[in-house]
């Protein structure tokens, strides 16, 4: 039976362990990634729920359902913004419900993918979020030009801030990796 090697013998012996891979240092200020991931995750869940409801209730009287929901929530169904929703809901037929349901589920999948990747701090998720969010800024700006609401402006500001934040992260990571 042999005795375990001494400290000096271990220091001279070649290492049999695999070298640990060197990762590029994480840019400072990555504390926002979990918050962005959570926001994307909440969006994914809400969009999935909307998509499922639209696909499973295509022949519903949506205007009646919205009115009932408003009353149960203690809202006045005759208010302007609920009337706008009712007007749009009255136009929702089975074909449109199907298309909107599929689009909502697709968008939920995109948001869920972003949430997963950002939560796990994957660089591909940062690129995906920058690309997808940038593309969706176009319709957001269009909506703000049609009518300005606090919700629309808030969503636009948050999405522009997310894109800017992620671009700064990606740029600093690229600069660190290239030594520039």
C-alpha atoms as a PDB file:
ATOM      1  CA  UNK A   1       0.000   0.000   0.000  1.00  0.00           C
ATOM      2  CA  UNK A   2       1.506   3.323  -1.031  1.00  0.00           C
ATOM      3  CA  UNK A   3       1.184   6.553   0.853  1.00  0.00           C
ATOM      4  CA  UNK A   4      -0.533   9.573  -0.719  1.00  0.00           C
ATOM      5  CA  UNK A   5       1.822  11.928  -2.562  1.00  0.00           C
ATOM      6  CA  UNK A   6       3.282  14.802  -0.582  1.00  0.00           C
ATOM      7  CA  UNK A   7       2.500  18.444  -1.417  1.00  0.00           C
ATOM      8  CA  UNK A   8       5.825  18.882  -3.219  1.00  0.00           C
ATOM      9  CA  UNK A   9       5.226  15.739  -5.306  1.00  0.00           C
ATOM     10  CA  UNK A  10       1.757  16.973  -6.253  1.00  0.00           C
ATOM     11  CA  UNK A  11       3.175  20.342  -7.307  1.00  0.00           C
ATOM     12  CA  UNK A  12       5.752  18.672  -9.600  1.00  0.00           C
ATOM     13  CA  UNK A  13       3.323  16.117 -11.097  1.00  0.00           C
ATOM     14  CA  UNK A  14       1.521  17.073 -14.291  1.00  0.00           C
ATOM     15  CA  UNK A  15      -2.111  17.933 -13.779  1.00  0.00           C
ATOM     16  CA  UNK A  16      -4.547  15.246 -14.886  1.00  0.00           C
ATOM     17  CA  UNK A  17      -7.524  17.517 -14.535  1.00  0.00           C
ATOM     18  CA  UNK A  18      -9.017  19.226 -17.552  1.00  0.00           C
ATOM     19  CA  UNK A  19      -8.298  22.953 -17.694  1.00  0.00           C
ATOM     20  CA  UNK A  20     -11.286  25.060 -16.836  1.00  0.00           C
ATOM     21  CA  UNK A  21     -12.558  27.057 -19.784  1.00  0.00           C
ATOM     22  CA  UNK A  22     -11.923  30.768 -19.567  1.00  0.00           C
ATOM     23  CA  UNK A  23     -15.050  32.832 -20.055  1.00  0.00           C
ATOM     24  CA  UNK A  24     -15.059  36.430 -21.097  1.00  0.00           C
ATOM     25  CA  UNK A  25     -15.684  38.519 -17.995  1.00  0.00           C
ATOM     26  CA  UNK A  26     -19.285  39.485 -17.512  1.00  0.00           C
ATOM     27  CA  UNK A  27     -19.864  43.175 -18.049  1.00  0.00           C
ATOM     28  CA  UNK A  28     -20.644  45.082 -14.907  1.00  0.00           C
ATOM     29  CA  UNK A  29     -24.247  45.915 -14.209  1.00  0.00           C
ATOM     30  CA  UNK A  30     -25.750  42.610 -15.296  1.00  0.00           C
ATOM     31  CA  UNK A  31     -28.212  42.772 -12.432  1.00  0.00           C
ATOM     32  CA  UNK A  32     -30.900  43.917 -14.860  1.00  0.00           C
ATOM     33  CA  UNK A  33     -30.854  40.690 -16.882  1.00  0.00           C
ATOM     34  CA  UNK A  34     -33.030  38.738 -14.410  1.00  0.00           C
ATOM     35  CA  UNK A  35     -35.516  41.624 -14.364  1.00  0.00           C
ATOM     36  CA  UNK A  36     -35.683  41.719 -18.149  1.00  0.00           C
ATOM     37  CA  UNK A  37     -36.025  37.925 -18.174  1.00  0.00           C
ATOM     38  CA  UNK A  38     -38.871  38.105 -15.647  1.00  0.00           C
ATOM     39  CA  UNK A  39     -40.648  40.779 -17.702  1.00  0.00           C
ATOM     40  CA  UNK A  40     -40.309  38.594 -20.816  1.00  0.00           C
ATOM     41  CA  UNK A  41     -41.512  35.568 -18.872  1.00  0.00           C
ATOM     42  CA  UNK A  42     -44.621  37.393 -17.653  1.00  0.00           C
ATOM     43  CA  UNK A  43     -45.333  38.523 -21.215  1.00  0.00           C
ATOM     44  CA  UNK A  44     -44.920  34.937 -22.429  1.00  0.00           C
ATOM     45  CA  UNK A  45     -47.408  33.601 -19.884  1.00  0.00           C
ATOM     46  CA  UNK A  46     -49.979  36.322 -20.642  1.00  0.00           C
ATOM     47  CA  UNK A  47     -49.631  35.894 -24.407  1.00  0.00           C
ATOM     48  CA  UNK A  48     -49.931  32.115 -24.105  1.00  0.00           C
ATOM     49  CA  UNK A  49     -53.094  32.526 -22.032  1.00  0.00           C
ATOM     50  CA  UNK A  50     -54.591  34.930 -24.589  1.00  0.00           C
ATOM     51  CA  UNK A  51     -53.650  32.595 -27.437  1.00  0.00           C
ATOM     52  CA  UNK A  52     -55.211  29.591 -25.734  1.00  0.00           C
ATOM     53  CA  UNK A  53     -58.407  31.490 -24.909  1.00  0.00           C
ATOM     54  CA  UNK A  54     -58.702  32.759 -28.490  1.00  0.00           C
ATOM     55  CA  UNK A  55     -58.163  29.301 -29.969  1.00  0.00           C
ATOM     56  CA  UNK A  56     -60.509  27.496 -27.603  1.00  0.00           C
ATOM     57  CA  UNK A  57     -63.331  30.075 -27.727  1.00  0.00           C
ATOM     58  CA  UNK A  58     -63.422  31.115 -31.373  1.00  0.00           C
ATOM     59  CA  UNK A  59     -67.208  31.357 -31.607  1.00  0.00           C
ATOM     60  CA  UNK A  60     -67.775  33.409 -28.473  1.00  0.00           C
ATOM     61  CA  UNK A  61     -69.586  36.723 -28.204  1.00  0.00           C
ATOM     62  CA  UNK A  62     -66.498  38.672 -27.198  1.00  0.00           C
ATOM     63  CA  UNK A  63     -68.272  42.008 -26.733  1.00  0.00           C
ATOM     64  CA  UNK A  64     -70.640  40.433 -24.196  1.00  0.00           C
ATOM     65  CA  UNK A  65     -67.734  38.747 -22.392  1.00  0.00           C
ATOM     66  CA  UNK A  66     -65.758  42.014 -22.174  1.00  0.00           C
ATOM     67  CA  UNK A  67     -68.812  43.840 -20.805  1.00  0.00           C
ATOM     68  CA  UNK A  68     -69.317  41.148 -18.146  1.00  0.00           C
ATOM     69  CA  UNK A  69     -65.631  41.204 -17.232  1.00  0.00           C
ATOM     70  CA  UNK A  70     -65.690  44.995 -16.873  1.00  0.00           C
ATOM     71  CA  UNK A  71     -68.748  44.868 -14.615  1.00  0.00           C
ATOM     72  CA  UNK A  72     -67.233  42.102 -12.463  1.00  0.00           C
ATOM     73  CA  UNK A  73     -64.054  44.179 -12.160  1.00  0.00           C
ATOM     74  CA  UNK A  74     -66.020  47.177 -10.928  1.00  0.00           C
ATOM     75  CA  UNK A  75     -65.466  49.156 -14.145  1.00  0.00           C
ATOM     76  CA  UNK A  76     -68.008  51.171 -16.065  1.00  0.00           C
ATOM     77  CA  UNK A  77     -68.644  49.392 -19.393  1.00  0.00           C
ATOM     78  CA  UNK A  78     -69.751  52.732 -20.869  1.00  0.00           C
ATOM     79  CA  UNK A  79     -66.353  54.378 -20.378  1.00  0.00           C
ATOM     80  CA  UNK A  80     -64.496  55.385 -23.532  1.00  0.00           C
ATOM     81  CA  UNK A  81     -61.629  52.912 -23.373  1.00  0.00           C
ATOM     82  CA  UNK A  82     -63.934  49.947 -22.660  1.00  0.00           C
ATOM     83  CA  UNK A  83     -66.160  51.076 -25.531  1.00  0.00           C
ATOM     84  CA  UNK A  84     -63.094  51.002 -27.824  1.00  0.00           C
ATOM     85  CA  UNK A  85     -62.334  47.457 -26.656  1.00  0.00           C
ATOM     86  CA  UNK A  86     -65.972  46.476 -27.214  1.00  0.00           C
ATOM     87  CA  UNK A  87     -65.870  47.952 -30.714  1.00  0.00           C
ATOM     88  CA  UNK A  88     -62.778  45.883 -31.554  1.00  0.00           C
ATOM     89  CA  UNK A  89     -64.190  42.770 -29.851  1.00  0.00           C
ATOM     90  CA  UNK A  90     -67.353  42.978 -31.933  1.00  0.00           C
ATOM     91  CA  UNK A  91     -65.178  42.655 -35.075  1.00  0.00           C
ATOM     92  CA  UNK A  92     -63.540  39.461 -33.798  1.00  0.00           C
ATOM     93  CA  UNK A  93     -64.919  36.543 -35.787  1.00  0.00           C
ATOM     94  CA  UNK A  94     -63.768  32.909 -35.709  1.00  0.00           C
ATOM     95  CA  UNK A  95     -61.197  33.398 -38.467  1.00  0.00           C
ATOM     96  CA  UNK A  96     -59.623  36.405 -36.794  1.00  0.00           C
ATOM     97  CA  UNK A  97     -59.679  34.702 -33.405  1.00  0.00           C
ATOM     98  CA  UNK A  98     -57.793  31.762 -34.916  1.00  0.00           C
ATOM     99  CA  UNK A  99     -55.153  33.978 -36.548  1.00  0.00           C
ATOM    100  CA  UNK A 100     -54.717  36.159 -33.450  1.00  0.00           C
ATOM    101  CA  UNK A 101     -54.532  33.042 -31.271  1.00  0.00           C
ATOM    102  CA  UNK A 102     -51.745  31.531 -33.391  1.00  0.00           C
ATOM    103  CA  UNK A 103     -49.871  34.858 -33.474  1.00  0.00           C
ATOM    104  CA  UNK A 104     -50.210  35.201 -29.684  1.00  0.00           C
ATOM    105  CA  UNK A 105     -48.832  31.683 -29.138  1.00  0.00           C
ATOM    106  CA  UNK A 106     -45.940  32.339 -31.531  1.00  0.00           C
ATOM    107  CA  UNK A 107     -45.112  35.599 -29.798  1.00  0.00           C
ATOM    108  CA  UNK A 108     -45.376  33.817 -26.427  1.00  0.00           C
ATOM    109  CA  UNK A 109     -42.834  31.244 -27.643  1.00  0.00           C
ATOM    110  CA  UNK A 110     -40.467  34.036 -28.696  1.00  0.00           C
ATOM    111  CA  UNK A 111     -40.850  35.854 -25.366  1.00  0.00           C
ATOM    112  CA  UNK A 112     -40.410  32.601 -23.438  1.00  0.00           C
ATOM    113  CA  UNK A 113     -37.236  31.803 -25.358  1.00  0.00           C
ATOM    114  CA  UNK A 114     -35.880  35.269 -24.605  1.00  0.00           C
ATOM    115  CA  UNK A 115     -36.796  34.877 -20.923  1.00  0.00           C
ATOM    116  CA  UNK A 116     -35.056  31.509 -20.642  1.00  0.00           C
ATOM    117  CA  UNK A 117     -31.905  32.700 -22.374  1.00  0.00           C
ATOM    118  CA  UNK A 118     -31.672  35.983 -20.478  1.00  0.00           C
ATOM    119  CA  UNK A 119     -32.297  34.270 -17.154  1.00  0.00           C
ATOM    120  CA  UNK A 120     -29.404  31.909 -17.910  1.00  0.00           C
ATOM    121  CA  UNK A 121     -27.268  34.813 -19.158  1.00  0.00           C
ATOM    122  CA  UNK A 122     -26.870  33.471 -22.686  1.00  0.00           C
ATOM    123  CA  UNK A 123     -25.374  35.840 -25.217  1.00  0.00           C
ATOM    124  CA  UNK A 124     -27.614  34.509 -27.997  1.00  0.00           C
ATOM    125  CA  UNK A 125     -30.637  35.590 -25.935  1.00  0.00           C
ATOM    126  CA  UNK A 126     -29.303  39.123 -25.689  1.00  0.00           C
ATOM    127  CA  UNK A 127     -28.919  39.239 -29.481  1.00  0.00           C
ATOM    128  CA  UNK A 128     -32.381  37.704 -29.971  1.00  0.00           C
ATOM    129  CA  UNK A 129     -33.943  40.211 -27.577  1.00  0.00           C
ATOM    130  CA  UNK A 130     -32.225  43.149 -29.280  1.00  0.00           C
ATOM    131  CA  UNK A 131     -33.345  41.947 -32.722  1.00  0.00           C
ATOM    132  CA  UNK A 132     -36.939  41.057 -31.815  1.00  0.00           C
ATOM    133  CA  UNK A 133     -37.521  44.103 -29.630  1.00  0.00           C
ATOM    134  CA  UNK A 134     -36.029  46.421 -32.254  1.00  0.00           C
ATOM    135  CA  UNK A 135     -38.331  44.985 -34.914  1.00  0.00           C
ATOM    136  CA  UNK A 136     -41.361  45.421 -32.672  1.00  0.00           C
ATOM    137  CA  UNK A 137     -40.442  49.061 -31.971  1.00  0.00           C
ATOM    138  CA  UNK A 138     -41.748  49.965 -35.436  1.00  0.00           C
ATOM    139  CA  UNK A 139     -45.383  49.022 -34.687  1.00  0.00           C
ATOM    140  CA  UNK A 140     -45.069  50.524 -31.202  1.00  0.00           C
ATOM    141  CA  UNK A 141     -44.026  53.883 -32.642  1.00  0.00           C
ATOM    142  CA  UNK A 142     -46.859  53.627 -35.174  1.00  0.00           C
ATOM    143  CA  UNK A 143     -49.371  53.033 -32.367  1.00  0.00           C
ATOM    144  CA  UNK A 144     -48.070  56.032 -30.403  1.00  0.00           C
ATOM    145  CA  UNK A 145     -48.486  58.245 -33.481  1.00  0.00           C
ATOM    146  CA  UNK A 146     -52.142  57.157 -33.788  1.00  0.00           C
ATOM    147  CA  UNK A 147     -53.013  57.875 -30.161  1.00  0.00           C
ATOM    148  CA  UNK A 148     -50.824  58.630 -27.197  1.00  0.00           C
ATOM    149  CA  UNK A 149     -51.548  56.790 -23.964  1.00  0.00           C
ATOM    150  CA  UNK A 150     -49.448  56.324 -20.854  1.00  0.00           C
ATOM    151  CA  UNK A 151     -49.347  52.558 -21.453  1.00  0.00           C
ATOM    152  CA  UNK A 152     -48.141  52.883 -25.057  1.00  0.00           C
ATOM    153  CA  UNK A 153     -45.476  55.464 -24.226  1.00  0.00           C
ATOM    154  CA  UNK A 154     -44.376  53.467 -21.182  1.00  0.00           C
ATOM    155  CA  UNK A 155     -44.014  50.271 -23.226  1.00  0.00           C
ATOM    156  CA  UNK A 156     -42.053  52.136 -25.889  1.00  0.00           C
ATOM    157  CA  UNK A 157     -39.694  53.721 -23.341  1.00  0.00           C
ATOM    158  CA  UNK A 158     -39.109  50.394 -21.556  1.00  0.00           C
ATOM    159  CA  UNK A 159     -38.379  48.573 -24.813  1.00  0.00           C
ATOM    160  CA  UNK A 160     -35.995  51.281 -26.064  1.00  0.00           C
ATOM    161  CA  UNK A 161     -34.192  51.169 -22.701  1.00  0.00           C
ATOM    162  CA  UNK A 162     -33.911  47.357 -22.866  1.00  0.00           C
ATOM    163  CA  UNK A 163     -32.459  47.488 -26.396  1.00  0.00           C
ATOM    164  CA  UNK A 164     -29.984  50.225 -25.402  1.00  0.00           C
ATOM    165  CA  UNK A 165     -28.923  48.351 -22.256  1.00  0.00           C
ATOM    166  CA  UNK A 166     -28.376  45.074 -24.104  1.00  0.00           C
ATOM    167  CA  UNK A 167     -26.485  46.775 -26.932  1.00  0.00           C
ATOM    168  CA  UNK A 168     -24.118  48.379 -24.412  1.00  0.00           C
ATOM    169  CA  UNK A 169     -23.591  44.949 -22.776  1.00  0.00           C
ATOM    170  CA  UNK A 170     -22.935  43.257 -26.099  1.00  0.00           C
ATOM    171  CA  UNK A 171     -20.577  46.024 -27.238  1.00  0.00           C
ATOM    172  CA  UNK A 172     -18.545  45.906 -24.015  1.00  0.00           C
ATOM    173  CA  UNK A 173     -18.352  42.109 -24.198  1.00  0.00           C
ATOM    174  CA  UNK A 174     -17.192  42.322 -27.832  1.00  0.00           C
ATOM    175  CA  UNK A 175     -14.579  44.962 -26.905  1.00  0.00           C
ATOM    176  CA  UNK A 176     -13.302  42.794 -24.031  1.00  0.00           C
ATOM    177  CA  UNK A 177     -13.072  39.712 -26.268  1.00  0.00           C
ATOM    178  CA  UNK A 178     -11.175  41.545 -29.045  1.00  0.00           C
ATOM    179  CA  UNK A 179      -8.972  43.497 -26.666  1.00  0.00           C
ATOM    180  CA  UNK A 180     -10.289  46.810 -27.976  1.00  0.00           C
END
